[in-house]
Amino acid sequence: MLDEELLGAWLNLGQAAHVVQAALDQRLESAAGVSGAEFELLWRLNGTPAKRLQMTEIAGLLLASKSGVTRLVDRLVKAGLLSRETPPENRRVTYAQLTPQGKAVLASAQEAFEEAFEVAFARHLSGGDVRAMRRILRRLLNGNGAWAHDRCEPALVDQSA
């Protein structure tokens, strides 16, 4: 028999994620013409020294399928925000790299994200709430073999760099 409180917590976790993500997506789309997933990819690429990642690395960071990442990168390449690179010495590897246009779109999206993040998420939580939530979510991710430091710990980088 399922515990009603536990089931409610699971339902509310999904609902809260959906509501907050929808608010972020709406703001990002109206301000910069990118979705939340597109923003996250641009943001993660900008946080790397070379401003590029292998497609398999992207799939791991976004918890997405390789085909899903291919479609995401295709959209951003078509929009001029990313380029694809295949090194001549290893044709099996493909990188997605942030373009100057992608960096500019990221800069405008960053401000919109920060505003929407504050309104839809941050202002509703105390510091203690955030610490408790991080502990609980880390426990869930660890318990399901999905905790990865490089994916789960945000690396705040200067997006203007």
N, C-alpha and C. Protein backbone atom coordinates (compact mmCIF):
# COMPACT_ATOMS: atom_id res chain seq x y z
N MET A 1 0.85 -1.19 0.00
CA MET A 1 0.00 0.00 0.00
C MET A 1 0.88 1.24 0.00
N LEU A 2 0.60 2.17 -0.87
CA LEU A 2 1.38 3.40 -0.96
C LEU A 2 1.04 4.33 0.19
N ASP A 3 2.07 4.98 0.71
CA ASP A 3 1.89 6.00 1.74
C ASP A 3 1.38 7.27 1.06
N GLU A 4 0.26 7.80 1.54
CA GLU A 4 -0.37 8.97 0.90
C GLU A 4 0.54 10.19 0.92
N GLU A 5 1.23 10.45 2.02
CA GLU A 5 2.13 11.60 2.11
C GLU A 5 3.30 11.45 1.14
N LEU A 6 3.86 10.25 1.08
CA LEU A 6 4.98 9.98 0.18
C LEU A 6 4.56 10.15 -1.27
N LEU A 7 3.38 9.61 -1.61
CA LEU A 7 2.87 9.76 -2.97
C LEU A 7 2.60 11.24 -3.28
N GLY A 8 2.04 11.96 -2.30
CA GLY A 8 1.80 13.39 -2.49
C GLY A 8 3.09 14.16 -2.72
N ALA A 9 4.15 13.80 -1.97
CA ALA A 9 5.44 14.46 -2.15
C ALA A 9 5.98 14.23 -3.56
N TRP A 10 5.85 13.00 -4.04
CA TRP A 10 6.32 12.68 -5.39
C TRP A 10 5.52 13.46 -6.44
N LEU A 11 4.19 13.48 -6.29
CA LEU A 11 3.36 14.22 -7.23
C LEU A 11 3.71 15.71 -7.21
N ASN A 12 3.85 16.27 -6.02
CA ASN A 12 4.15 17.70 -5.89
C ASN A 12 5.53 18.05 -6.42
N LEU A 13 6.49 17.14 -6.28
CA LEU A 13 7.83 17.37 -6.83
C LEU A 13 7.74 17.56 -8.34
N GLY A 14 7.04 16.66 -9.00
CA GLY A 14 6.87 16.77 -10.45
C GLY A 14 6.08 18.00 -10.85
N GLN A 15 5.02 18.30 -10.10
CA GLN A 15 4.20 19.47 -10.40
C GLN A 15 5.01 20.76 -10.24
N ALA A 16 5.76 20.85 -9.14
CA ALA A 16 6.56 22.06 -8.90
C ALA A 16 7.61 22.23 -10.00
N ALA A 17 8.27 21.14 -10.37
CA ALA A 17 9.27 21.22 -11.44
C ALA A 17 8.62 21.69 -12.74
N HIS A 18 7.44 21.18 -13.04
CA HIS A 18 6.74 21.56 -14.26
C HIS A 18 6.36 23.04 -14.25
N VAL A 19 5.78 23.51 -13.15
CA VAL A 19 5.32 24.90 -13.05
C VAL A 19 6.50 25.87 -13.14
N VAL A 20 7.57 25.59 -12.39
CA VAL A 20 8.73 26.48 -12.41
C VAL A 20 9.39 26.47 -13.79
N GLN A 21 9.55 25.28 -14.37
CA GLN A 21 10.17 25.20 -15.70
C GLN A 21 9.34 25.93 -16.75
N ALA A 22 8.02 25.82 -16.66
CA ALA A 22 7.16 26.53 -17.62
C ALA A 22 7.33 28.04 -17.50
N ALA A 23 7.45 28.54 -16.27
CA ALA A 23 7.66 29.99 -16.08
C ALA A 23 9.01 30.42 -16.65
N LEU A 24 10.04 29.61 -16.41
CA LEU A 24 11.36 29.92 -16.96
C LEU A 24 11.34 29.87 -18.48
N ASP A 25 10.73 28.82 -19.04
CA ASP A 25 10.66 28.68 -20.50
C ASP A 25 9.95 29.87 -21.13
N GLN A 26 8.82 30.27 -20.55
CA GLN A 26 8.06 31.38 -21.11
C GLN A 26 8.89 32.66 -21.13
N ARG A 27 9.58 32.95 -20.05
CA ARG A 27 10.39 34.17 -19.96
C ARG A 27 11.57 34.11 -20.92
N LEU A 28 12.25 32.96 -20.98
CA LEU A 28 13.39 32.81 -21.88
C LEU A 28 12.96 32.94 -23.34
N GLU A 29 11.85 32.33 -23.68
CA GLU A 29 11.35 32.38 -25.06
C GLU A 29 11.00 33.81 -25.45
N SER A 30 10.30 34.53 -24.57
CA SER A 30 9.89 35.89 -24.93
C SER A 30 11.06 36.87 -24.94
N ALA A 31 12.05 36.66 -24.08
CA ALA A 31 13.17 37.60 -24.00
C ALA A 31 14.28 37.30 -24.99
N ALA A 32 14.54 36.01 -25.23
CA ALA A 32 15.71 35.66 -26.03
C ALA A 32 15.44 34.64 -27.12
N GLY A 33 14.21 34.12 -27.18
CA GLY A 33 13.88 33.16 -28.23
C GLY A 33 14.47 31.79 -28.04
N VAL A 34 14.79 31.42 -26.79
CA VAL A 34 15.34 30.09 -26.50
C VAL A 34 14.49 29.40 -25.44
N SER A 35 14.49 28.08 -25.48
CA SER A 35 13.80 27.29 -24.46
C SER A 35 14.71 27.11 -23.25
N GLY A 36 14.16 26.54 -22.20
CA GLY A 36 14.97 26.25 -21.02
C GLY A 36 16.11 25.29 -21.33
N ALA A 37 15.84 24.26 -22.13
CA ALA A 37 16.88 23.29 -22.49
C ALA A 37 17.96 23.95 -23.34
N GLU A 38 17.55 24.81 -24.26
CA GLU A 38 18.53 25.51 -25.10
C GLU A 38 19.38 26.44 -24.24
N PHE A 39 18.74 27.16 -23.33
CA PHE A 39 19.48 28.03 -22.42
C PHE A 39 20.48 27.24 -21.60
N GLU A 40 20.04 26.11 -21.04
CA GLU A 40 20.94 25.32 -20.21
C GLU A 40 22.15 24.86 -21.02
N LEU A 41 21.95 24.43 -22.24
CA LEU A 41 23.07 24.00 -23.07
C LEU A 41 24.02 25.17 -23.35
N LEU A 42 23.49 26.32 -23.73
CA LEU A 42 24.34 27.49 -23.97
C LEU A 42 25.11 27.85 -22.71
N TRP A 43 24.43 27.84 -21.57
CA TRP A 43 25.03 28.18 -20.29
C TRP A 43 26.15 27.20 -19.93
N ARG A 44 25.89 25.91 -20.12
CA ARG A 44 26.92 24.90 -19.81
C ARG A 44 28.12 25.01 -20.74
N LEU A 45 27.87 25.24 -22.02
CA LEU A 45 28.98 25.41 -22.96
C LEU A 45 29.82 26.63 -22.60
N ASN A 46 29.17 27.70 -22.22
CA ASN A 46 29.89 28.92 -21.86
C ASN A 46 30.76 28.71 -20.61
N GLY A 47 30.39 27.75 -19.78
CA GLY A 47 31.14 27.47 -18.56
C GLY A 47 32.36 26.60 -18.78
N THR A 48 32.59 26.14 -20.00
CA THR A 48 33.76 25.32 -20.28
C THR A 48 34.87 26.21 -20.84
N PRO A 49 36.12 25.87 -20.58
CA PRO A 49 37.23 26.71 -21.07
C PRO A 49 37.22 26.91 -22.59
N ALA A 50 36.94 25.86 -23.35
CA ALA A 50 36.97 25.96 -24.80
C ALA A 50 35.61 26.34 -25.39
N LYS A 51 34.59 26.52 -24.52
CA LYS A 51 33.23 26.85 -24.97
C LYS A 51 32.67 25.77 -25.88
N ARG A 52 33.08 24.52 -25.64
CA ARG A 52 32.59 23.41 -26.44
C ARG A 52 32.58 22.13 -25.60
N LEU A 53 31.73 21.19 -26.02
CA LEU A 53 31.63 19.88 -25.39
C LEU A 53 31.35 18.84 -26.45
N GLN A 54 31.75 17.60 -26.18
CA GLN A 54 31.39 16.50 -27.05
C GLN A 54 29.90 16.23 -26.90
N MET A 55 29.30 15.74 -27.95
CA MET A 55 27.86 15.44 -27.93
C MET A 55 27.52 14.45 -26.81
N THR A 56 28.38 13.46 -26.59
CA THR A 56 28.11 12.49 -25.52
C THR A 56 28.19 13.15 -24.14
N GLU A 57 29.08 14.12 -23.98
CA GLU A 57 29.17 14.85 -22.72
C GLU A 57 27.89 15.66 -22.48
N ILE A 58 27.38 16.25 -23.54
CA ILE A 58 26.14 17.04 -23.43
C ILE A 58 24.99 16.14 -23.00
N ALA A 59 24.89 14.98 -23.60
CA ALA A 59 23.81 14.05 -23.23
C ALA A 59 23.89 13.70 -21.75
N GLY A 60 25.09 13.48 -21.25
CA GLY A 60 25.26 13.18 -19.84
C GLY A 60 24.91 14.34 -18.93
N LEU A 61 25.29 15.54 -19.31
CA LEU A 61 24.99 16.72 -18.50
C LEU A 61 23.51 17.05 -18.46
N LEU A 62 22.83 16.86 -19.58
CA LEU A 62 21.42 17.22 -19.67
C LEU A 62 20.49 16.06 -19.34
N LEU A 63 21.06 14.90 -19.04
CA LEU A 63 20.26 13.69 -18.83
C LEU A 63 19.30 13.48 -20.00
N ALA A 64 19.85 13.56 -21.19
CA ALA A 64 19.06 13.45 -22.41
C ALA A 64 19.62 12.33 -23.28
N SER A 65 18.79 11.84 -24.17
CA SER A 65 19.24 10.82 -25.10
C SER A 65 20.17 11.45 -26.14
N LYS A 66 20.98 10.62 -26.78
CA LYS A 66 21.85 11.13 -27.84
C LYS A 66 21.03 11.72 -28.98
N SER A 67 19.90 11.10 -29.31
CA SER A 67 19.07 11.64 -30.40
C SER A 67 18.42 12.95 -29.97
N GLY A 68 18.04 13.07 -28.71
CA GLY A 68 17.47 14.32 -28.22
C GLY A 68 18.48 15.44 -28.26
N VAL A 69 19.73 15.12 -27.89
CA VAL A 69 20.80 16.13 -27.93
C VAL A 69 21.09 16.52 -29.37
N THR A 70 21.07 15.56 -30.27
CA THR A 70 21.29 15.87 -31.69
C THR A 70 20.24 16.85 -32.19
N ARG A 71 18.97 16.62 -31.85
CA ARG A 71 17.91 17.54 -32.28
C ARG A 71 18.09 18.92 -31.65
N LEU A 72 18.44 18.96 -30.37
CA LEU A 72 18.66 20.23 -29.67
C LEU A 72 19.81 21.01 -30.33
N VAL A 73 20.92 20.34 -30.55
CA VAL A 73 22.08 20.99 -31.18
C VAL A 73 21.74 21.40 -32.61
N ASP A 74 21.02 20.57 -33.35
CA ASP A 74 20.61 20.93 -34.71
C ASP A 74 19.86 22.26 -34.73
N ARG A 75 18.91 22.43 -33.79
CA ARG A 75 18.14 23.69 -33.73
C ARG A 75 19.06 24.88 -33.46
N LEU A 76 20.01 24.70 -32.55
CA LEU A 76 20.90 25.81 -32.19
C LEU A 76 21.93 26.09 -33.29
N VAL A 77 22.34 25.07 -34.02
CA VAL A 77 23.24 25.28 -35.18
C VAL A 77 22.48 26.04 -36.26
N LYS A 78 21.25 25.63 -36.51
CA LYS A 78 20.43 26.30 -37.54
C LYS A 78 20.22 27.77 -37.18
N ALA A 79 20.08 28.06 -35.89
CA ALA A 79 19.87 29.45 -35.44
C ALA A 79 21.18 30.24 -35.37
N GLY A 80 22.31 29.57 -35.62
CA GLY A 80 23.61 30.24 -35.59
C GLY A 80 24.20 30.40 -34.20
N LEU A 81 23.62 29.73 -33.20
CA LEU A 81 24.10 29.88 -31.83
C LEU A 81 25.20 28.89 -31.47
N LEU A 82 25.26 27.80 -32.21
CA LEU A 82 26.31 26.78 -32.03
C LEU A 82 26.89 26.42 -33.38
N SER A 83 28.09 25.87 -33.34
CA SER A 83 28.66 25.24 -34.53
C SER A 83 29.02 23.81 -34.14
N ARG A 84 29.13 22.98 -35.15
CA ARG A 84 29.56 21.59 -34.94
C ARG A 84 30.97 21.45 -35.45
N GLU A 85 31.77 20.72 -34.69
CA GLU A 85 33.15 20.48 -35.12
C GLU A 85 33.48 19.01 -34.99
N THR A 86 34.13 18.49 -35.99
CA THR A 86 34.64 17.12 -35.96
C THR A 86 36.14 17.19 -36.22
N PRO A 87 36.96 16.86 -35.23
CA PRO A 87 38.40 16.95 -35.44
C PRO A 87 38.87 15.98 -36.53
N PRO A 88 39.76 16.43 -37.40
CA PRO A 88 40.23 15.56 -38.50
C PRO A 88 40.95 14.32 -37.97
N GLU A 89 41.55 14.42 -36.79
CA GLU A 89 42.28 13.27 -36.26
C GLU A 89 41.37 12.22 -35.61
N ASN A 90 40.10 12.56 -35.37
CA ASN A 90 39.17 11.60 -34.78
C ASN A 90 37.76 11.92 -35.29
N ARG A 91 37.40 11.33 -36.43
CA ARG A 91 36.12 11.62 -37.08
C ARG A 91 34.92 11.05 -36.31
N ARG A 92 35.18 10.23 -35.27
CA ARG A 92 34.08 9.66 -34.49
C ARG A 92 33.55 10.62 -33.43
N VAL A 93 34.29 11.69 -33.17
CA VAL A 93 33.93 12.65 -32.13
C VAL A 93 33.34 13.90 -32.77
N THR A 94 32.25 14.37 -32.20
CA THR A 94 31.65 15.63 -32.66
C THR A 94 31.49 16.55 -31.46
N TYR A 95 31.89 17.78 -31.64
CA TYR A 95 31.76 18.80 -30.60
C TYR A 95 30.67 19.78 -31.00
N ALA A 96 29.98 20.31 -30.00
CA ALA A 96 29.12 21.47 -30.19
C ALA A 96 29.85 22.63 -29.55
N GLN A 97 29.99 23.72 -30.29
CA GLN A 97 30.74 24.87 -29.79
C GLN A 97 29.88 26.12 -29.87
N LEU A 98 29.97 26.93 -28.81
CA LEU A 98 29.26 28.19 -28.73
C LEU A 98 29.84 29.17 -29.74
N THR A 99 28.97 29.82 -30.51
CA THR A 99 29.40 30.83 -31.47
C THR A 99 29.30 32.21 -30.81
N PRO A 100 29.91 33.24 -31.42
CA PRO A 100 29.74 34.59 -30.88
C PRO A 100 28.26 34.99 -30.79
N GLN A 101 27.46 34.61 -31.78
CA GLN A 101 26.03 34.90 -31.73
C GLN A 101 25.37 34.16 -30.57
N GLY A 102 25.79 32.92 -30.33
CA GLY A 102 25.27 32.16 -29.21
C GLY A 102 25.60 32.81 -27.88
N LYS A 103 26.81 33.35 -27.78
CA LYS A 103 27.23 34.04 -26.57
C LYS A 103 26.40 35.30 -26.35
N ALA A 104 26.08 36.01 -27.41
CA ALA A 104 25.25 37.21 -27.30
C ALA A 104 23.83 36.86 -26.87
N VAL A 105 23.27 35.82 -27.46
CA VAL A 105 21.92 35.39 -27.07
C VAL A 105 21.93 34.92 -25.62
N LEU A 106 22.97 34.21 -25.22
CA LEU A 106 23.08 33.76 -23.84
C LEU A 106 23.10 34.95 -22.88
N ALA A 107 23.80 35.99 -23.24
CA ALA A 107 23.87 37.17 -22.37
C ALA A 107 22.48 37.78 -22.16
N SER A 108 21.69 37.89 -23.21
CA SER A 108 20.34 38.43 -23.04
C SER A 108 19.43 37.44 -22.32
N ALA A 109 19.62 36.16 -22.58
CA ALA A 109 18.81 35.14 -21.91
C ALA A 109 19.15 35.05 -20.43
N GLN A 110 20.40 35.30 -20.08
CA GLN A 110 20.85 35.20 -18.69
C GLN A 110 20.06 36.16 -17.79
N GLU A 111 19.88 37.38 -18.24
CA GLU A 111 19.13 38.36 -17.45
C GLU A 111 17.68 37.92 -17.28
N ALA A 112 17.08 37.46 -18.36
CA ALA A 112 15.69 36.98 -18.30
C ALA A 112 15.58 35.78 -17.38
N PHE A 113 16.55 34.87 -17.46
CA PHE A 113 16.54 33.69 -16.60
C PHE A 113 16.62 34.09 -15.14
N GLU A 114 17.54 35.00 -14.82
CA GLU A 114 17.70 35.42 -13.43
C GLU A 114 16.43 36.05 -12.88
N GLU A 115 15.76 36.87 -13.69
CA GLU A 115 14.50 37.48 -13.25
C GLU A 115 13.43 36.42 -13.02
N ALA A 116 13.24 35.52 -13.97
CA ALA A 116 12.22 34.48 -13.85
C ALA A 116 12.55 33.50 -12.73
N PHE A 117 13.82 33.20 -12.56
CA PHE A 117 14.27 32.30 -11.50
C PHE A 117 13.90 32.88 -10.14
N GLU A 118 14.12 34.17 -9.97
CA GLU A 118 13.78 34.84 -8.71
C GLU A 118 12.28 34.77 -8.44
N VAL A 119 11.48 35.11 -9.45
CA VAL A 119 10.02 35.18 -9.29
C VAL A 119 9.40 33.79 -9.09
N ALA A 120 9.80 32.82 -9.90
CA ALA A 120 9.15 31.51 -9.88
C ALA A 120 9.74 30.55 -8.86
N PHE A 121 10.95 30.81 -8.39
CA PHE A 121 11.61 29.82 -7.54
C PHE A 121 12.22 30.44 -6.28
N ALA A 122 13.21 31.27 -6.44
CA ALA A 122 14.04 31.71 -5.32
C ALA A 122 13.28 32.44 -4.22
N ARG A 123 12.37 33.32 -4.58
CA ARG A 123 11.71 34.14 -3.56
C ARG A 123 10.77 33.33 -2.66
N HIS A 124 10.48 32.12 -3.04
CA HIS A 124 9.57 31.28 -2.24
C HIS A 124 10.31 30.41 -1.23
N LEU A 125 11.63 30.46 -1.23
CA LEU A 125 12.43 29.56 -0.40
C LEU A 125 13.39 30.32 0.51
N SER A 126 13.50 29.86 1.75
CA SER A 126 14.50 30.40 2.66
C SER A 126 15.82 29.66 2.42
N GLY A 127 16.88 30.17 3.02
CA GLY A 127 18.17 29.48 2.92
C GLY A 127 18.08 28.07 3.47
N GLY A 128 17.36 27.90 4.58
CA GLY A 128 17.18 26.57 5.16
C GLY A 128 16.40 25.65 4.24
N ASP A 129 15.38 26.19 3.57
CA ASP A 129 14.61 25.40 2.61
C ASP A 129 15.52 24.89 1.50
N VAL A 130 16.37 25.78 1.00
CA VAL A 130 17.25 25.42 -0.12
C VAL A 130 18.22 24.32 0.32
N ARG A 131 18.83 24.48 1.50
CA ARG A 131 19.76 23.46 1.98
C ARG A 131 19.06 22.11 2.17
N ALA A 132 17.85 22.13 2.73
CA ALA A 132 17.10 20.88 2.93
C ALA A 132 16.74 20.26 1.58
N MET A 133 16.29 21.10 0.64
CA MET A 133 15.93 20.59 -0.68
C MET A 133 17.13 19.96 -1.37
N ARG A 134 18.28 20.63 -1.30
CA ARG A 134 19.48 20.07 -1.93
C ARG A 134 19.86 18.73 -1.32
N ARG A 135 19.77 18.63 0.02
CA ARG A 135 20.08 17.35 0.68
C ARG A 135 19.14 16.25 0.21
N ILE A 136 17.85 16.55 0.16
CA ILE A 136 16.85 15.57 -0.24
C ILE A 136 17.03 15.17 -1.70
N LEU A 137 17.21 16.13 -2.57
CA LEU A 137 17.37 15.83 -3.99
C LEU A 137 18.66 15.06 -4.25
N ARG A 138 19.72 15.42 -3.53
CA ARG A 138 20.96 14.66 -3.68
C ARG A 138 20.76 13.21 -3.24
N ARG A 139 20.02 13.01 -2.14
CA ARG A 139 19.75 11.65 -1.66
C ARG A 139 18.98 10.86 -2.72
N LEU A 140 17.98 11.50 -3.35
CA LEU A 140 17.21 10.83 -4.40
C LEU A 140 18.09 10.50 -5.61
N LEU A 141 18.90 11.46 -6.02
CA LEU A 141 19.79 11.22 -7.16
C LEU A 141 20.82 10.14 -6.84
N ASN A 142 21.43 10.21 -5.66
CA ASN A 142 22.38 9.17 -5.25
C ASN A 142 21.72 7.81 -5.21
N GLY A 143 20.54 7.74 -4.61
CA GLY A 143 19.84 6.46 -4.47
C GLY A 143 19.48 5.83 -5.79
N ASN A 144 19.38 6.65 -6.82
CA ASN A 144 19.06 6.14 -8.15
C ASN A 144 20.28 6.12 -9.07
N GLY A 145 21.47 6.27 -8.48
CA GLY A 145 22.70 6.20 -9.25
C GLY A 145 22.86 7.32 -10.24
N ALA A 146 22.24 8.48 -9.96
CA ALA A 146 22.27 9.57 -10.94
C ALA A 146 22.99 10.82 -10.45
N TRP A 147 23.65 10.75 -9.30
CA TRP A 147 24.40 11.92 -8.83
C TRP A 147 25.74 11.96 -9.55
N ALA A 148 26.04 13.08 -10.15
CA ALA A 148 27.34 13.30 -10.79
C ALA A 148 27.72 14.74 -10.48
N HIS A 149 28.82 14.93 -9.81
CA HIS A 149 29.22 16.25 -9.35
C HIS A 149 29.23 17.28 -10.48
N ASP A 150 29.84 16.92 -11.61
CA ASP A 150 29.97 17.90 -12.71
C ASP A 150 28.62 18.26 -13.32
N ARG A 151 27.61 17.42 -13.16
CA ARG A 151 26.29 17.72 -13.69
C ARG A 151 25.39 18.36 -12.65
N CYS A 152 25.53 17.95 -11.39
CA CYS A 152 24.59 18.34 -10.34
C CYS A 152 25.00 19.57 -9.55
N GLU A 153 26.26 19.93 -9.57
CA GLU A 153 26.72 21.11 -8.85
C GLU A 153 26.88 22.26 -9.84
N PRO A 154 26.10 23.32 -9.66
CA PRO A 154 26.20 24.41 -10.62
C PRO A 154 27.54 25.14 -10.47
N ALA A 155 28.16 25.37 -11.59
CA ALA A 155 29.39 26.15 -11.62
C ALA A 155 29.01 27.52 -12.14
N LEU A 156 28.91 28.47 -11.23
CA LEU A 156 28.54 29.81 -11.67
C LEU A 156 29.75 30.45 -12.32
N VAL A 157 29.58 30.76 -13.58
CA VAL A 157 30.67 31.39 -14.33
C VAL A 157 30.20 32.76 -14.76
N ASP A 158 31.17 33.62 -14.95
CA ASP A 158 30.87 34.96 -15.46
C ASP A 158 30.43 34.80 -16.91
N GLN A 159 29.15 35.00 -17.18
CA GLN A 159 28.62 34.79 -18.52
C GLN A 159 29.10 35.85 -19.51
N SER A 160 29.73 36.90 -19.02
CA SER A 160 30.25 37.93 -19.93
C SER A 160 31.66 37.61 -20.38
N ALA A 161 32.29 36.64 -19.74
CA ALA A 161 33.69 36.32 -20.07
C ALA A 161 33.82 35.66 -21.41
